[in-house]
Structure formats: C-alpha cells, structure tokens
C-alpha cells in the first residue's frame, strides 16, 4: 500500500493539511473500520501505521493477534519516535 494512495483513499487528498477537520475525522473512522475488517496482514499493518501517525491507532494487542506483528509495530513506533515525528 502506498502512503499517498491511502491518504487519497481515506481523505481525498495526499495533502492532509488541506483536508477539513470533519473530513479528517470521517477518514480516520473509515480507516479504523477497515483495519478491523482487513484480513491481509500487510494491509492491516499499513493501515495501523497510518493510524499511528495520526494518533488514532488501536492498542497493539487489539490490532494484532500475532506477536511478530506486534513486534513490528513496536519497531515502527520506535523508528517514528527516533525521527522526532511523533506528536504527543
């Protein structure tokens, strides 16, 4: 899954700053629903990563049944934190 394609699919624009707040909320909600329905591990991981960047990801134990997927998500969180891109 391409990051820009995900943004276009859920928010109608690859430039999140141009998306109105209401459309951002709706896009996040749709992405969360799709995460819950997605069966493909790679697609689930991609959706979770974008949701994490948007501070809207579910907890790891909720999102991932497989321990390897949870470990990969922790690694992603560490990488994001190391770049200083994570917003708290």
Foldseek 3Di string as FASTA:
>chain_A
DDLQVLCCVLQVGSPPVPGDPVSVVRSLVVLQVCLVVDDDLVVNLVSQLVCQLVVRHDDLVVRDVDPVSSVVVVVSVVVCVVVVSHDD
